[in-house]
């Protein structure tokens, strides 16, 4: 069981880093014009948002900050930390799927999709068996 917790901590750290960096970049570059990687305007045109700022804040909190919360809960061995891991995996999978729906499948998605599914699977394995 310690091995699962260790792998969960590593994947939650990766998820929090990606969520914070990606969310911050969306907040900072409101119109999607970034020199590193351009954000497609189709995501904003087909959504309820007018620019990337609100979408970036949502991504920043739900993937970045909540992943840190799940990391701390897992590290401090809170009784139901497995549920935090599952919810974080669902958030990450949701935002990765949204990104894939509006853009093509890229090499970053080949890395992020298995990470999201592995986070959910590790959370399921680590939930308390009460029933």
N, C-alpha and C. Protein backbone atom coordinates (compact mmCIF):
# COMPACT_ATOMS: atom_id res chain seq x y z
N UNK A 1 0.82 -1.20 0.00
CA UNK A 1 0.00 0.00 0.00
C UNK A 1 0.86 1.26 0.00
N UNK A 2 2.03 1.19 0.59
CA UNK A 2 2.91 2.36 0.60
C UNK A 2 3.39 2.70 -0.81
N UNK A 3 3.54 1.70 -1.63
CA UNK A 3 3.97 1.93 -3.00
C UNK A 3 2.90 2.72 -3.76
N UNK A 4 1.63 2.38 -3.55
CA UNK A 4 0.55 3.10 -4.20
C UNK A 4 0.50 4.56 -3.74
N UNK A 5 0.71 4.78 -2.45
CA UNK A 5 0.73 6.15 -1.94
C UNK A 5 1.88 6.94 -2.55
N UNK A 6 3.04 6.33 -2.67
CA UNK A 6 4.20 7.01 -3.24
C UNK A 6 3.96 7.37 -4.70
N UNK A 7 3.42 6.43 -5.47
CA UNK A 7 3.12 6.70 -6.88
C UNK A 7 2.05 7.78 -6.99
N UNK A 8 1.05 7.73 -6.10
CA UNK A 8 0.01 8.77 -6.10
C UNK A 8 0.60 10.14 -5.81
N UNK A 9 1.52 10.22 -4.87
CA UNK A 9 2.14 11.50 -4.54
C UNK A 9 2.92 12.05 -5.73
N UNK A 10 3.63 11.19 -6.42
CA UNK A 10 4.38 11.65 -7.60
C UNK A 10 3.43 12.15 -8.69
N UNK A 11 2.36 11.39 -8.96
CA UNK A 11 1.43 11.80 -10.01
C UNK A 11 0.64 13.04 -9.62
N UNK A 12 0.31 13.20 -8.34
CA UNK A 12 -0.38 14.41 -7.89
C UNK A 12 0.53 15.63 -7.99
N UNK A 13 1.82 15.42 -7.74
CA UNK A 13 2.76 16.52 -7.90
C UNK A 13 2.86 16.94 -9.36
N UNK A 14 2.93 15.98 -10.25
CA UNK A 14 2.98 16.27 -11.69
C UNK A 14 1.71 16.98 -12.12
N UNK A 15 0.56 16.50 -11.65
CA UNK A 15 -0.72 17.11 -12.00
C UNK A 15 -0.83 18.53 -11.47
N UNK A 16 -0.37 18.75 -10.25
CA UNK A 16 -0.44 20.11 -9.70
C UNK A 16 0.49 21.06 -10.47
N UNK A 17 1.66 20.58 -10.83
CA UNK A 17 2.58 21.42 -11.59
C UNK A 17 1.99 21.79 -12.95
N UNK A 18 1.44 20.81 -13.65
CA UNK A 18 0.86 21.07 -14.96
C UNK A 18 -0.36 21.98 -14.84
N UNK A 19 -1.21 21.75 -13.84
CA UNK A 19 -2.39 22.58 -13.66
C UNK A 19 -2.07 24.01 -13.30
N UNK A 20 -1.08 24.21 -12.44
CA UNK A 20 -0.70 25.57 -12.05
C UNK A 20 -0.05 26.31 -13.21
N UNK A 21 0.86 25.65 -13.90
CA UNK A 21 1.54 26.30 -15.02
C UNK A 21 0.56 26.58 -16.16
N UNK A 22 -0.24 25.62 -16.50
CA UNK A 22 -1.21 25.80 -17.60
C UNK A 22 -2.25 26.86 -17.25
N UNK A 23 -2.77 26.82 -16.02
CA UNK A 23 -3.74 27.82 -15.60
C UNK A 23 -3.14 29.21 -15.55
N UNK A 24 -1.92 29.34 -15.05
CA UNK A 24 -1.26 30.64 -15.00
C UNK A 24 -1.01 31.19 -16.40
N UNK A 25 -0.62 30.32 -17.32
CA UNK A 25 -0.39 30.78 -18.69
C UNK A 25 -1.69 31.27 -19.33
N UNK A 26 -2.81 30.59 -19.03
CA UNK A 26 -4.09 31.04 -19.58
C UNK A 26 -4.53 32.36 -18.95
N UNK A 27 -4.23 32.55 -17.68
CA UNK A 27 -4.58 33.81 -17.01
C UNK A 27 -3.71 34.93 -17.55
N UNK A 28 -2.44 34.68 -17.72
CA UNK A 28 -1.51 35.71 -18.14
C UNK A 28 -1.71 36.12 -19.59
N UNK A 29 -1.91 35.14 -20.47
CA UNK A 29 -2.13 35.41 -21.90
C UNK A 29 -3.62 35.28 -22.18
N UNK A 30 -4.35 36.35 -21.99
CA UNK A 30 -5.81 36.34 -22.05
C UNK A 30 -6.37 35.97 -23.42
N UNK A 31 -5.71 36.38 -24.45
CA UNK A 31 -6.21 36.14 -25.80
C UNK A 31 -5.63 34.88 -26.44
N UNK A 32 -4.80 34.15 -25.71
CA UNK A 32 -4.26 32.91 -26.22
C UNK A 32 -3.02 33.04 -27.05
N UNK A 33 -2.47 34.25 -27.16
CA UNK A 33 -1.26 34.43 -27.97
C UNK A 33 -0.03 34.28 -27.10
N UNK A 34 0.51 33.10 -27.09
CA UNK A 34 1.68 32.77 -26.31
C UNK A 34 2.78 32.35 -27.27
N UNK A 35 4.00 32.73 -26.98
CA UNK A 35 5.10 32.38 -27.87
C UNK A 35 5.44 30.90 -27.82
N UNK A 36 5.22 30.27 -26.68
CA UNK A 36 5.59 28.86 -26.55
C UNK A 36 4.62 27.97 -27.32
N UNK A 37 3.35 28.11 -27.00
CA UNK A 37 2.33 27.31 -27.68
C UNK A 37 1.05 28.12 -27.74
N UNK A 38 0.54 28.30 -28.93
CA UNK A 38 -0.68 29.08 -29.10
C UNK A 38 -1.88 28.27 -28.63
N UNK A 39 -2.79 28.94 -27.94
CA UNK A 39 -4.04 28.29 -27.56
C UNK A 39 -5.04 28.48 -28.70
N UNK A 40 -5.74 27.44 -29.07
CA UNK A 40 -6.69 27.58 -30.17
C UNK A 40 -7.89 28.43 -29.75
N UNK A 41 -8.29 29.34 -30.60
CA UNK A 41 -9.43 30.20 -30.30
C UNK A 41 -10.76 29.47 -30.42
N UNK A 42 -10.77 28.26 -31.00
CA UNK A 42 -12.01 27.49 -31.10
C UNK A 42 -12.54 27.12 -29.72
N UNK A 43 -11.64 26.91 -28.76
CA UNK A 43 -12.08 26.56 -27.42
C UNK A 43 -12.89 27.71 -26.83
N UNK A 44 -12.43 28.92 -27.01
CA UNK A 44 -13.12 30.07 -26.43
C UNK A 44 -14.38 30.41 -27.24
N UNK A 45 -14.32 30.32 -28.54
CA UNK A 45 -15.49 30.65 -29.36
C UNK A 45 -16.65 29.71 -29.10
N UNK A 46 -16.37 28.44 -28.84
CA UNK A 46 -17.41 27.44 -28.63
C UNK A 46 -17.78 27.25 -27.17
N UNK A 47 -17.30 28.14 -26.31
CA UNK A 47 -17.60 28.00 -24.88
C UNK A 47 -18.34 29.23 -24.39
N UNK A 48 -18.59 29.26 -23.09
CA UNK A 48 -19.29 30.40 -22.48
C UNK A 48 -18.33 31.52 -22.11
N UNK A 49 -17.05 31.32 -22.29
CA UNK A 49 -16.05 32.31 -21.89
C UNK A 49 -15.73 33.25 -23.05
N UNK A 50 -15.32 34.46 -22.71
CA UNK A 50 -14.94 35.41 -23.75
C UNK A 50 -13.44 35.42 -23.99
N UNK A 51 -12.66 35.03 -22.98
CA UNK A 51 -11.21 34.90 -23.14
C UNK A 51 -10.73 33.78 -22.22
N UNK A 52 -9.44 33.59 -22.18
CA UNK A 52 -8.88 32.47 -21.44
C UNK A 52 -8.73 32.73 -19.93
N UNK A 53 -9.04 33.90 -19.44
CA UNK A 53 -8.78 34.22 -18.04
C UNK A 53 -9.63 33.37 -17.09
N UNK A 54 -10.93 33.33 -17.30
CA UNK A 54 -11.80 32.55 -16.41
C UNK A 54 -11.50 31.06 -16.53
N UNK A 55 -11.30 30.61 -17.74
CA UNK A 55 -10.94 29.20 -17.97
C UNK A 55 -9.62 28.86 -17.28
N UNK A 56 -8.68 29.79 -17.31
CA UNK A 56 -7.40 29.60 -16.64
C UNK A 56 -7.56 29.53 -15.13
N UNK A 57 -8.40 30.40 -14.55
CA UNK A 57 -8.64 30.35 -13.10
C UNK A 57 -9.28 29.04 -12.69
N UNK A 58 -10.24 28.56 -13.48
CA UNK A 58 -10.89 27.28 -13.17
C UNK A 58 -9.87 26.15 -13.22
N UNK A 59 -9.06 26.13 -14.25
CA UNK A 59 -8.02 25.11 -14.38
C UNK A 59 -6.99 25.23 -13.26
N UNK A 60 -6.63 26.46 -12.92
CA UNK A 60 -5.66 26.70 -11.87
C UNK A 60 -6.15 26.14 -10.53
N UNK A 61 -7.42 26.37 -10.20
CA UNK A 61 -7.93 25.90 -8.92
C UNK A 61 -8.32 24.43 -8.92
N UNK A 62 -9.03 23.97 -9.94
CA UNK A 62 -9.52 22.59 -9.92
C UNK A 62 -8.44 21.56 -10.17
N UNK A 63 -7.47 21.88 -10.99
CA UNK A 63 -6.40 20.91 -11.25
C UNK A 63 -5.16 21.23 -10.41
N UNK A 64 -4.76 22.49 -10.39
CA UNK A 64 -3.52 22.85 -9.69
C UNK A 64 -3.65 22.85 -8.18
N UNK A 65 -4.53 23.68 -7.65
CA UNK A 65 -4.65 23.82 -6.20
C UNK A 65 -5.29 22.59 -5.57
N UNK A 66 -6.34 22.04 -6.20
CA UNK A 66 -6.96 20.85 -5.63
C UNK A 66 -6.02 19.66 -5.63
N UNK A 67 -5.12 19.61 -6.59
CA UNK A 67 -4.12 18.55 -6.59
C UNK A 67 -3.15 18.70 -5.41
N UNK A 68 -2.84 19.95 -5.07
CA UNK A 68 -2.00 20.18 -3.88
C UNK A 68 -2.74 19.76 -2.62
N UNK A 69 -4.04 20.05 -2.56
CA UNK A 69 -4.84 19.63 -1.41
C UNK A 69 -4.87 18.11 -1.31
N UNK A 70 -5.08 17.42 -2.44
CA UNK A 70 -5.06 15.96 -2.44
C UNK A 70 -3.68 15.43 -2.07
N UNK A 71 -2.62 16.12 -2.50
CA UNK A 71 -1.25 15.73 -2.16
C UNK A 71 -1.04 15.82 -0.64
N UNK A 72 -1.49 16.92 -0.04
CA UNK A 72 -1.33 17.10 1.41
C UNK A 72 -2.16 16.08 2.17
N UNK A 73 -3.39 15.82 1.72
CA UNK A 73 -4.23 14.81 2.37
C UNK A 73 -3.61 13.42 2.29
N UNK A 74 -3.02 13.11 1.16
CA UNK A 74 -2.37 11.81 1.00
C UNK A 74 -1.11 11.72 1.84
N UNK A 75 -0.36 12.80 1.89
CA UNK A 75 0.88 12.81 2.66
C UNK A 75 0.61 12.71 4.16
N UNK A 76 -0.45 13.38 4.62
CA UNK A 76 -0.77 13.34 6.05
C UNK A 76 -1.66 12.16 6.42
N UNK A 77 -1.97 11.30 5.45
CA UNK A 77 -2.70 10.06 5.65
C UNK A 77 -4.08 10.29 6.28
N UNK A 78 -4.80 11.27 5.74
CA UNK A 78 -6.19 11.48 6.16
C UNK A 78 -6.99 10.26 5.75
N UNK A 79 -7.99 9.91 6.55
CA UNK A 79 -8.70 8.65 6.39
C UNK A 79 -9.24 8.42 4.98
N UNK A 80 -9.84 9.39 4.36
CA UNK A 80 -10.46 9.22 3.05
C UNK A 80 -9.67 9.91 1.94
N UNK A 81 -8.36 9.83 2.00
CA UNK A 81 -7.56 10.52 0.99
C UNK A 81 -7.73 9.92 -0.39
N UNK A 82 -8.17 8.69 -0.49
CA UNK A 82 -8.38 8.05 -1.79
C UNK A 82 -9.45 8.76 -2.61
N UNK A 83 -10.46 9.29 -1.92
CA UNK A 83 -11.51 10.01 -2.63
C UNK A 83 -10.98 11.33 -3.21
N UNK A 84 -10.09 11.98 -2.50
CA UNK A 84 -9.47 13.20 -3.03
C UNK A 84 -8.67 12.88 -4.30
N UNK A 85 -7.99 11.75 -4.29
CA UNK A 85 -7.21 11.35 -5.46
C UNK A 85 -8.13 11.06 -6.64
N UNK A 86 -9.25 10.39 -6.39
CA UNK A 86 -10.20 10.08 -7.46
C UNK A 86 -10.77 11.37 -8.07
N UNK A 87 -11.17 12.31 -7.22
CA UNK A 87 -11.75 13.56 -7.72
C UNK A 87 -10.71 14.35 -8.51
N UNK A 88 -9.48 14.37 -8.05
CA UNK A 88 -8.43 15.07 -8.80
C UNK A 88 -8.21 14.42 -10.16
N UNK A 89 -8.23 13.10 -10.21
CA UNK A 89 -8.10 12.42 -11.50
C UNK A 89 -9.24 12.71 -12.44
N UNK A 90 -10.46 12.84 -11.89
CA UNK A 90 -11.61 13.17 -12.72
C UNK A 90 -11.49 14.59 -13.27
N UNK A 91 -11.08 15.54 -12.43
CA UNK A 91 -10.87 16.91 -12.91
C UNK A 91 -9.82 16.96 -14.02
N UNK A 92 -8.71 16.30 -13.80
CA UNK A 92 -7.63 16.31 -14.80
C UNK A 92 -8.09 15.63 -16.09
N UNK A 93 -8.81 14.51 -15.97
CA UNK A 93 -9.30 13.82 -17.15
C UNK A 93 -10.32 14.67 -17.91
N UNK A 94 -11.17 15.40 -17.18
CA UNK A 94 -12.16 16.25 -17.81
C UNK A 94 -11.50 17.35 -18.64
N UNK A 95 -10.52 18.05 -18.06
CA UNK A 95 -9.88 19.13 -18.78
C UNK A 95 -9.00 18.63 -19.92
N UNK A 96 -8.41 17.47 -19.76
CA UNK A 96 -7.64 16.88 -20.85
C UNK A 96 -8.56 16.48 -22.00
N UNK A 97 -9.72 15.92 -21.67
CA UNK A 97 -10.68 15.53 -22.70
C UNK A 97 -11.24 16.75 -23.44
N UNK A 98 -11.52 17.82 -22.69
CA UNK A 98 -12.01 19.05 -23.33
C UNK A 98 -10.95 19.58 -24.30
N UNK A 99 -9.69 19.57 -23.86
CA UNK A 99 -8.62 20.05 -24.73
C UNK A 99 -8.49 19.18 -25.97
N UNK A 100 -8.63 17.86 -25.80
CA UNK A 100 -8.54 16.96 -26.95
C UNK A 100 -9.71 17.12 -27.89
N UNK A 101 -10.89 17.48 -27.37
CA UNK A 101 -12.07 17.63 -28.22
C UNK A 101 -11.93 18.81 -29.17
N UNK A 102 -11.27 19.86 -28.71
CA UNK A 102 -11.15 21.06 -29.54
C UNK A 102 -9.85 21.13 -30.32
N UNK A 103 -8.87 20.38 -29.90
CA UNK A 103 -7.61 20.32 -30.65
C UNK A 103 -7.40 18.88 -31.10
N UNK A 104 -6.38 18.66 -31.83
CA UNK A 104 -6.08 17.29 -32.25
C UNK A 104 -5.33 16.57 -31.14
N UNK A 105 -5.26 15.26 -31.28
CA UNK A 105 -4.54 14.45 -30.31
C UNK A 105 -3.05 14.70 -30.51
N UNK A 106 -2.40 15.23 -29.47
CA UNK A 106 -0.99 15.55 -29.56
C UNK A 106 -0.15 14.69 -28.65
N UNK A 107 1.16 14.85 -28.70
CA UNK A 107 2.04 14.05 -27.86
C UNK A 107 1.83 14.32 -26.37
N UNK A 108 1.41 15.53 -26.03
CA UNK A 108 1.15 15.83 -24.62
C UNK A 108 -0.05 15.04 -24.10
N UNK A 109 -1.02 14.79 -24.97
CA UNK A 109 -2.18 14.00 -24.57
C UNK A 109 -1.82 12.53 -24.37
N UNK A 110 -0.85 12.05 -25.11
CA UNK A 110 -0.39 10.67 -24.93
C UNK A 110 0.27 10.48 -23.57
N UNK A 111 0.73 11.56 -22.98
CA UNK A 111 1.32 11.50 -21.64
C UNK A 111 0.25 11.75 -20.57
N UNK A 112 -0.61 12.74 -20.81
CA UNK A 112 -1.59 13.14 -19.79
C UNK A 112 -2.73 12.16 -19.61
N UNK A 113 -3.21 11.53 -20.67
CA UNK A 113 -4.31 10.59 -20.53
C UNK A 113 -3.97 9.39 -19.64
N UNK A 114 -2.83 8.73 -19.85
CA UNK A 114 -2.50 7.64 -18.92
C UNK A 114 -2.29 8.11 -17.48
N UNK A 115 -1.75 9.32 -17.31
CA UNK A 115 -1.58 9.86 -15.96
C UNK A 115 -2.94 10.05 -15.30
N UNK A 116 -3.91 10.60 -16.03
CA UNK A 116 -5.25 10.83 -15.47
C UNK A 116 -5.91 9.50 -15.09
N UNK A 117 -5.86 8.53 -15.98
CA UNK A 117 -6.46 7.24 -15.67
C UNK A 117 -5.74 6.54 -14.52
N UNK A 118 -4.43 6.68 -14.46
CA UNK A 118 -3.67 6.07 -13.38
C UNK A 118 -3.98 6.73 -12.04
N UNK A 119 -4.18 8.04 -12.03
CA UNK A 119 -4.56 8.73 -10.80
C UNK A 119 -5.91 8.22 -10.31
N UNK A 120 -6.87 8.07 -11.21
CA UNK A 120 -8.19 7.56 -10.82
C UNK A 120 -8.07 6.13 -10.31
N UNK A 121 -7.33 5.29 -11.00
CA UNK A 121 -7.16 3.90 -10.59
C UNK A 121 -6.48 3.80 -9.23
N UNK A 122 -5.44 4.60 -9.00
CA UNK A 122 -4.76 4.58 -7.71
C UNK A 122 -5.67 5.08 -6.59
N UNK A 123 -6.53 6.04 -6.89
CA UNK A 123 -7.49 6.50 -5.89
C UNK A 123 -8.49 5.42 -5.53
N UNK A 124 -8.94 4.66 -6.54
CA UNK A 124 -9.89 3.57 -6.28
C UNK A 124 -9.24 2.49 -5.42
N UNK A 125 -8.00 2.18 -5.71
CA UNK A 125 -7.30 1.14 -4.94
C UNK A 125 -7.10 1.57 -3.48
N UNK A 126 -6.96 2.87 -3.24
CA UNK A 126 -6.65 3.34 -1.90
C UNK A 126 -7.87 3.81 -1.09
N UNK A 127 -9.08 3.63 -1.61
CA UNK A 127 -10.26 3.99 -0.84
C UNK A 127 -10.48 2.97 0.27
N UNK A 128 -11.00 3.42 1.41
CA UNK A 128 -11.24 2.47 2.51
C UNK A 128 -12.33 1.46 2.15
N UNK A 129 -12.15 0.24 2.57
CA UNK A 129 -13.11 -0.83 2.31
C UNK A 129 -14.08 -0.93 3.49
N UNK A 130 -15.16 -0.15 3.43
CA UNK A 130 -16.13 -0.13 4.52
C UNK A 130 -17.36 -0.94 4.23
N UNK A 131 -17.60 -1.25 2.98
CA UNK A 131 -18.88 -1.88 2.63
C UNK A 131 -18.74 -3.37 2.56
